[in-house]
Amino acid sequence: MNAGGTRAGTAVGIDVGGTKIAAMRVSAGGEILARETLPTPADDMAATLGAMVQAARTVLDEGVRAVGVGAAGLVRYDTGTLTFAPNLAWRDVGITAHVAGALKLPTLTDNDANVAAWGEYRFGAGRGAQDMLLVTVGTGIGGGIVSGGRLFRGANGFAGEIGHTVVEPGGPLCGCGNRGCWEQVASGHAITRAGREAARENPHSLIAQIAGGDPNRVTGPLVTEAGRRGDDVARRILAEVGRRLGEGIAGLVNVLDPRVVVVGGGAIEAGELILEPARSAFREAVEAPDHRPEVPIVPAELGNDAGAVGAAVLALEGLGG
C-alpha cells in the first residue's frame, strides 16, 4: 500500500532472525513504544513460532490493530507462508495463520529485507526516494526494492533475493545449495572466512591476537574490530569485501535504476572501511557513470530496528482498518 494509506493506532512488528526475535509496538509515525527480544530456537520451528507469539504478547496493548512479521527466506506474501529459508531448516511454515490465530489480530508476513526496506523508506535513509534499493549485509545478503513508492515483490513474493545471484561459479558453497553466490563473497560469510585464513597464515597478526590464537574464533565483528584498530590485514579483507559488494550493487543499479541505495545489516558496523571501497568499485562497474545521475550508497539509519518497525507500519497500512 502507498505510504499515504497509514491508519491510526499502533501495530506490533516482529523481526525473526536466526539468533533473535525482536517484537516492537510501533506507532503509525514509526515511534517504538515498547520492545521485547527473545533468543530464536533456530532448530525448532514450532518453538520459534511460540517465541514469536510470546514476544508479541509482551508488547501488546488494547490499541494494537495489526501484526506484521518479517522472516528470513522465501515468503509467499499472499498466504504468509515461509516456503524456504536458505540458512535455517525452516520449510513451508504458515506464519500468518499461526500468529493471527494465537493473537486474534490481522497479521501480515513478508520477507525480512522487504520489511526493513519499508522501514528505511518510510522513516530512515530512504525517506523521500520513491525508488530505493536496500541491501542488507549480515551473515548473508538480502534485498528489498521500493519502486514508485511501493514494495516490489514479484509474481510470488520472492523478489529481492539478491544475495543468491551466482557471481563466482564453483565458489564457496551457499546455504541455498548453489556455489559462488554473491553473499558468499561480499558479506559476513566472506569476512569470517578470510579472517580465519589470515589468522592461520599470520599467527602473530592482530586478528589472531584478538581471537586468542584460535583461528576458529575469528568472526566478522572481530575482523572489523581489528580493522578499526588499524590492522592492515583486516583492512584489506574489509576492502576486498567492499569491492565485491560495490560490483554487485552496480549490476543491480543497472537493472533497477534506484534513486538511492541504502546499505544495512551487521557487517556495516565496519562503516567506511567497507562502504568507501564499495563506492569506488560501484563507480568503476556501473554502466555509463558519467552519463547518469549519481546514485548515493548510504548507510541505513534505523539499524537493527528497521525490520520490526517496517513490519509494524506495513501491517498497519495494509491491515489496520
Protein backbone atom coordinates (compact mmCIF):
# COMPACT_ATOMS: atom_id res chain seq x y z
CA MET A 1 0.00 0.00 0.00
CA ASN A 2 1.13 3.53 -0.65
CA ALA A 3 2.66 5.27 2.35
CA GLY A 4 -0.24 7.68 2.36
CA GLY A 5 -2.58 4.90 3.47
CA THR A 6 -1.33 4.76 7.07
CA ARG A 7 -4.09 4.11 9.61
CA ALA A 8 -4.38 5.47 13.14
CA GLY A 9 -3.47 3.24 16.07
CA THR A 10 -0.46 1.03 16.65
CA ALA A 11 0.83 -2.30 15.38
CA VAL A 12 3.28 -4.93 16.56
CA GLY A 13 6.24 -5.71 14.33
CA ILE A 14 8.11 -9.00 14.74
CA ASP A 15 11.54 -9.45 13.18
CA VAL A 16 12.54 -13.13 13.15
CA GLY A 17 16.24 -13.80 12.69
CA GLY A 18 18.44 -16.83 13.07
CA THR A 19 19.61 -15.80 16.55
CA LYS A 20 16.95 -13.49 17.97
CA ILE A 21 13.31 -12.47 17.72
CA ALA A 22 12.55 -8.78 18.18
CA ALA A 23 8.98 -7.62 18.79
CA MET A 24 8.06 -3.93 18.96
CA ARG A 25 4.87 -1.96 19.38
CA VAL A 26 5.10 0.86 16.88
CA SER A 27 3.00 3.94 16.16
CA ALA A 28 1.83 4.96 12.70
CA GLY A 29 4.63 7.54 12.75
CA GLY A 30 7.31 4.91 13.31
CA GLU A 31 7.86 5.56 17.02
CA ILE A 32 8.83 2.49 19.04
CA LEU A 33 6.58 2.37 22.12
CA ALA A 34 7.61 -0.98 23.59
CA ARG A 35 10.04 -3.75 22.73
CA GLU A 36 10.91 -7.32 23.65
CA THR A 37 13.76 -9.55 22.45
CA LEU A 38 14.00 -13.32 22.82
CA PRO A 39 16.50 -15.87 21.51
CA THR A 40 15.45 -17.81 18.42
CA PRO A 41 15.24 -21.59 18.93
CA ALA A 42 16.54 -21.90 15.39
CA ASP A 43 16.47 -25.71 15.21
CA ASP A 44 12.82 -25.94 16.28
CA MET A 45 10.29 -24.10 14.13
CA ALA A 46 7.37 -24.85 16.48
CA ALA A 47 9.33 -23.37 19.37
CA THR A 48 10.22 -20.37 17.20
CA LEU A 49 6.56 -19.74 16.45
CA GLY A 50 5.82 -19.95 20.16
CA ALA A 51 8.59 -17.49 20.97
CA MET A 52 7.26 -15.08 18.33
CA VAL A 53 3.83 -15.11 19.93
CA GLN A 54 5.32 -14.77 23.41
CA ALA A 55 7.39 -11.75 22.41
CA ALA A 56 4.40 -10.11 20.72
CA ARG A 57 2.16 -10.63 23.76
CA THR A 58 4.72 -8.86 25.93
CA VAL A 59 4.36 -5.63 23.95
CA LEU A 60 0.65 -5.83 23.07
CA ASP A 61 -1.91 -3.38 24.41
CA GLU A 62 -5.52 -2.56 23.59
CA GLY A 63 -4.53 -0.05 20.90
CA VAL A 64 -2.80 -2.61 18.65
CA ARG A 65 -4.71 -3.12 15.41
CA ALA A 66 -2.44 -5.42 13.41
CA VAL A 67 0.71 -7.53 13.50
CA GLY A 68 3.50 -7.58 10.92
CA VAL A 69 6.16 -10.27 10.69
CA GLY A 70 9.46 -10.18 8.81
CA ALA A 71 11.05 -13.60 8.23
CA ALA A 72 14.33 -14.50 6.55
CA GLY A 73 13.68 -16.56 3.42
CA LEU A 74 11.19 -17.01 0.60
CA VAL A 75 7.80 -15.76 1.81
CA ARG A 76 4.54 -16.16 -0.08
CA TYR A 77 3.12 -12.74 0.65
CA ASP A 78 -0.42 -13.77 -0.36
CA THR A 79 -0.58 -16.64 2.15
CA GLY A 80 2.01 -15.57 4.71
CA THR A 81 3.89 -18.83 4.28
CA LEU A 82 7.66 -19.11 4.66
CA THR A 83 8.44 -21.69 1.99
CA PHE A 84 12.23 -21.85 2.29
CA ALA A 85 14.93 -20.33 4.49
CA PRO A 86 18.39 -20.74 2.92
CA ASN A 87 20.33 -20.52 6.18
CA LEU A 88 17.82 -22.21 8.51
CA ALA A 89 15.97 -25.54 8.46
CA TRP A 90 12.54 -23.92 8.05
CA ARG A 91 10.22 -25.09 5.26
CA ASP A 92 6.57 -24.41 4.40
CA VAL A 93 5.67 -22.66 7.66
CA GLY A 94 2.29 -20.91 7.84
CA ILE A 95 3.47 -17.94 9.88
CA THR A 96 0.48 -15.68 9.28
CA ALA A 97 -2.06 -18.37 10.14
CA HIS A 98 -0.27 -19.29 13.35
CA VAL A 99 0.34 -15.77 14.64
CA ALA A 100 -3.12 -14.49 13.67
CA GLY A 101 -4.73 -17.50 15.34
CA ALA A 102 -2.76 -17.07 18.54
CA LEU A 103 -3.08 -13.29 18.87
CA LYS A 104 -6.54 -12.85 17.30
CA LEU A 105 -5.29 -9.92 15.23
CA PRO A 106 -4.94 -9.30 11.48
CA THR A 107 -1.42 -10.43 10.55
CA LEU A 108 0.87 -9.84 7.58
CA THR A 109 4.08 -11.77 6.88
CA ASP A 110 6.77 -10.69 4.45
CA ASN A 111 10.46 -11.21 3.81
CA ASP A 112 12.71 -9.67 6.45
CA ALA A 113 14.60 -7.47 3.98
CA ASN A 114 11.34 -6.27 2.44
CA VAL A 115 10.02 -5.03 5.77
CA ALA A 116 13.40 -3.47 6.61
CA ALA A 117 13.33 -1.69 3.26
CA TRP A 118 9.89 -0.33 4.09
CA GLY A 119 11.15 0.92 7.44
CA GLU A 120 14.07 2.72 5.83
CA TYR A 121 11.85 4.11 3.07
CA ARG A 122 9.27 5.48 5.47
CA PHE A 123 11.45 6.65 8.35
CA GLY A 124 15.14 6.14 7.55
CA ALA A 125 17.80 6.72 4.92
CA GLY A 126 15.35 6.22 2.04
CA ARG A 127 12.88 8.94 3.04
CA GLY A 128 11.69 10.88 0.01
CA ALA A 129 13.10 8.39 -2.52
CA GLN A 130 10.21 6.74 -4.37
CA ASP A 131 12.69 4.29 -5.92
CA MET A 132 15.07 2.75 -3.41
CA LEU A 133 17.17 -0.39 -3.08
CA LEU A 134 18.02 -1.77 0.35
CA VAL A 135 20.98 -4.14 0.56
CA THR A 136 21.31 -5.86 3.93
CA VAL A 137 24.80 -7.18 4.57
CA GLY A 138 24.92 -9.52 7.53
CA THR A 139 25.82 -13.18 7.66
CA GLY A 140 24.36 -13.23 4.14
CA ILE A 141 22.94 -10.59 1.81
CA GLY A 142 19.28 -9.68 1.49
CA GLY A 143 17.49 -7.08 -0.58
CA GLY A 144 14.34 -5.01 -0.57
CA ILE A 145 13.11 -2.97 -3.53
CA VAL A 146 10.82 0.06 -3.32
CA SER A 147 9.59 1.05 -6.78
CA GLY A 148 7.29 4.00 -7.31
CA GLY A 149 6.62 4.19 -3.58
CA ARG A 150 5.57 0.54 -3.32
CA LEU A 151 7.35 -2.63 -2.33
CA PHE A 152 8.23 -4.74 -5.35
CA ARG A 153 7.58 -8.40 -4.53
CA GLY A 154 7.35 -10.08 -7.93
CA ALA A 155 4.86 -12.75 -9.02
CA ASN A 156 5.19 -14.98 -5.96
CA GLY A 157 6.54 -12.62 -3.31
CA PHE A 158 10.10 -13.85 -3.83
CA ALA A 159 11.67 -10.76 -5.43
CA GLY A 160 14.73 -9.21 -3.83
CA GLU A 161 16.74 -12.39 -3.19
CA ILE A 162 19.81 -10.56 -4.45
CA GLY A 163 22.32 -12.43 -2.32
CA HIS A 164 21.76 -15.63 -4.26
CA THR A 165 22.93 -14.42 -7.64
CA VAL A 166 25.89 -16.57 -8.68
CA VAL A 167 28.91 -14.31 -9.23
CA GLU A 168 31.71 -16.85 -8.80
CA PRO A 169 30.81 -20.20 -10.41
CA GLY A 170 32.31 -23.07 -8.42
CA GLY A 171 32.95 -20.77 -5.47
CA PRO A 172 32.09 -21.33 -1.80
CA LEU A 173 29.01 -23.45 -1.08
CA CYS A 174 25.98 -21.35 -0.12
CA GLY A 175 23.13 -22.24 2.21
CA CYS A 176 20.78 -22.12 -0.79
CA GLY A 177 22.64 -25.07 -2.36
CA ASN A 178 24.48 -23.18 -5.10
CA ARG A 179 28.15 -22.27 -5.18
CA GLY A 180 29.61 -18.80 -5.52
CA CYS A 181 26.55 -16.75 -4.59
CA TRP A 182 27.11 -13.02 -4.09
CA GLU A 183 26.53 -13.36 -0.35
CA GLN A 184 29.42 -15.82 -0.14
CA VAL A 185 31.94 -13.24 -1.38
CA ALA A 186 30.51 -9.93 -0.16
CA SER A 187 29.02 -10.45 3.32
CA GLY A 188 29.81 -11.61 6.84
CA HIS A 189 30.45 -15.10 5.45
CA ALA A 190 33.33 -13.74 3.38
CA ILE A 191 34.75 -11.60 6.17
CA THR A 192 34.76 -14.51 8.61
CA ARG A 193 36.24 -16.95 6.10
CA ALA A 194 39.03 -14.56 5.06
CA GLY A 195 39.69 -13.58 8.68
CA ARG A 196 40.19 -17.19 9.71
CA GLU A 197 42.53 -17.82 6.80
CA ALA A 198 44.52 -14.73 7.76
CA ALA A 199 44.75 -15.86 11.39
CA ARG A 200 46.11 -19.23 10.30
CA GLU A 201 48.65 -17.71 7.92
CA ASN A 202 49.65 -14.87 10.28
CA PRO A 203 49.52 -16.24 13.84
CA HIS A 204 51.07 -13.02 15.17
CA SER A 205 48.55 -10.73 13.47
CA LEU A 206 46.15 -8.57 15.46
CA ILE A 207 43.27 -10.70 14.17
CA ALA A 208 44.87 -13.82 15.66
CA GLN A 209 45.72 -12.00 18.89
CA ILE A 210 42.15 -10.82 19.42
CA ALA A 211 40.96 -14.38 18.73
CA GLY A 212 43.28 -15.71 21.41
CA GLY A 213 45.38 -17.58 18.88
CA ASP A 214 42.44 -19.72 17.73
CA PRO A 215 41.51 -19.05 14.07
CA ASN A 216 38.15 -20.75 14.57
CA ARG A 217 37.16 -17.97 16.98
CA VAL A 218 37.53 -15.32 14.30
CA THR A 219 34.24 -13.66 13.34
CA GLY A 220 33.23 -10.76 11.13
CA PRO A 221 32.88 -8.35 14.08
CA LEU A 222 36.35 -9.40 15.30
CA VAL A 223 37.86 -8.58 11.90
CA THR A 224 36.06 -5.24 11.98
CA GLU A 225 37.50 -4.52 15.43
CA ALA A 226 40.99 -5.29 14.16
CA GLY A 227 40.42 -3.04 11.16
CA ARG A 228 39.28 -0.16 13.32
CA ARG A 229 42.44 -0.60 15.38
CA GLY A 230 44.50 -0.12 12.23
CA ASP A 231 45.38 -3.71 11.33
CA ASP A 232 46.39 -3.77 7.65
CA VAL A 233 45.35 -7.38 7.10
CA ALA A 234 41.87 -6.74 8.47
CA ARG A 235 41.53 -3.58 6.41
CA ARG A 236 42.48 -5.44 3.24
CA ILE A 237 39.83 -8.07 3.98
CA LEU A 238 37.14 -5.44 4.54
CA ALA A 239 38.23 -3.55 1.41
CA GLU A 240 38.01 -6.71 -0.71
CA VAL A 241 34.53 -7.49 0.60
CA GLY A 242 33.57 -3.87 -0.03
CA ARG A 243 34.84 -4.15 -3.60
CA ARG A 244 32.74 -7.25 -4.27
CA LEU A 245 29.77 -5.53 -2.65
CA GLY A 246 30.12 -2.46 -4.86
CA GLU A 247 30.41 -4.54 -8.03
CA GLY A 248 27.18 -6.35 -7.20
CA ILE A 249 25.39 -3.11 -6.38
CA ALA A 250 26.45 -1.73 -9.77
CA GLY A 251 24.69 -4.60 -11.54
CA LEU A 252 21.54 -4.05 -9.51
CA VAL A 253 21.56 -0.31 -10.22
CA ASN A 254 21.86 -1.10 -13.93
CA VAL A 255 18.68 -3.20 -13.64
CA LEU A 256 16.61 -1.22 -11.14
CA ASP A 257 17.74 2.41 -11.56
CA PRO A 258 17.03 3.42 -7.94
CA ARG A 259 17.35 6.94 -6.61
CA VAL A 260 19.44 5.72 -3.65
CA VAL A 261 21.00 2.50 -2.37
CA VAL A 262 20.72 2.01 1.38
CA VAL A 263 23.12 -0.49 2.93
CA GLY A 264 22.24 -2.05 6.27
CA GLY A 265 22.95 -5.17 8.29
CA GLY A 266 25.53 -6.08 10.88
CA ALA A 267 28.54 -6.06 8.55
CA ILE A 268 28.06 -2.34 8.02
CA GLU A 269 29.38 -1.79 11.55
CA ALA A 270 32.67 -1.60 9.64
CA GLY A 271 31.39 1.69 8.21
CA GLU A 272 33.63 3.39 5.67
CA LEU A 273 36.12 0.51 5.79
CA ILE A 274 33.57 -1.34 3.64
CA LEU A 275 31.43 1.46 2.19
CA GLU A 276 34.19 3.52 0.61
CA PRO A 277 35.69 0.56 -1.32
CA ALA A 278 32.12 -0.34 -2.30
CA ARG A 279 31.50 3.15 -3.69
CA SER A 280 34.77 3.09 -5.63
CA ALA A 281 34.03 -0.31 -7.15
CA PHE A 282 30.49 0.78 -7.93
CA ARG A 283 31.68 3.80 -9.89
CA GLU A 284 34.03 1.62 -11.92
CA ALA A 285 31.44 -1.08 -12.65
CA VAL A 286 28.14 0.76 -13.18
CA GLU A 287 27.11 1.48 -16.76
CA ALA A 288 27.96 4.96 -18.05
CA PRO A 289 28.73 6.58 -14.67
CA ASP A 290 29.40 9.94 -16.35
CA HIS A 291 26.05 9.93 -18.11
CA ARG A 292 23.63 9.14 -15.29
CA PRO A 293 22.65 10.95 -12.08
CA GLU A 294 24.73 9.95 -9.11
CA VAL A 295 23.24 7.11 -7.06
CA PRO A 296 24.31 7.59 -3.44
CA ILE A 297 25.28 4.50 -1.46
CA VAL A 298 24.42 5.40 2.12
CA PRO A 299 24.29 3.56 5.46
CA ALA A 300 20.91 2.61 6.87
CA GLU A 301 19.61 4.84 9.66
CA LEU A 302 17.29 2.56 11.64
CA GLY A 303 19.85 -0.14 12.39
CA ASN A 304 18.50 -3.37 13.81
CA ASP A 305 15.09 -1.76 14.40
CA ALA A 306 14.30 -1.39 10.68
CA GLY A 307 12.72 -4.82 10.28
CA ALA A 308 10.30 -4.65 13.19
CA VAL A 309 9.39 -1.01 12.52
CA GLY A 310 8.84 -1.68 8.84
CA ALA A 311 6.77 -4.82 9.52
CA ALA A 312 4.57 -2.99 12.02
CA VAL A 313 3.88 0.02 9.81
CA LEU A 314 3.39 -2.14 6.72
CA ALA A 315 0.78 -4.15 8.64
CA LEU A 316 -0.89 -1.03 9.96
CA GLU A 317 -1.11 0.44 6.47
CA GLY A 318 -2.40 -2.75 4.91
CA LEU A 319 -4.46 -4.34 7.68
CA GLY A 320 -5.10 -1.73 10.36
CA GLY A 321 -8.52 -0.72 9.10
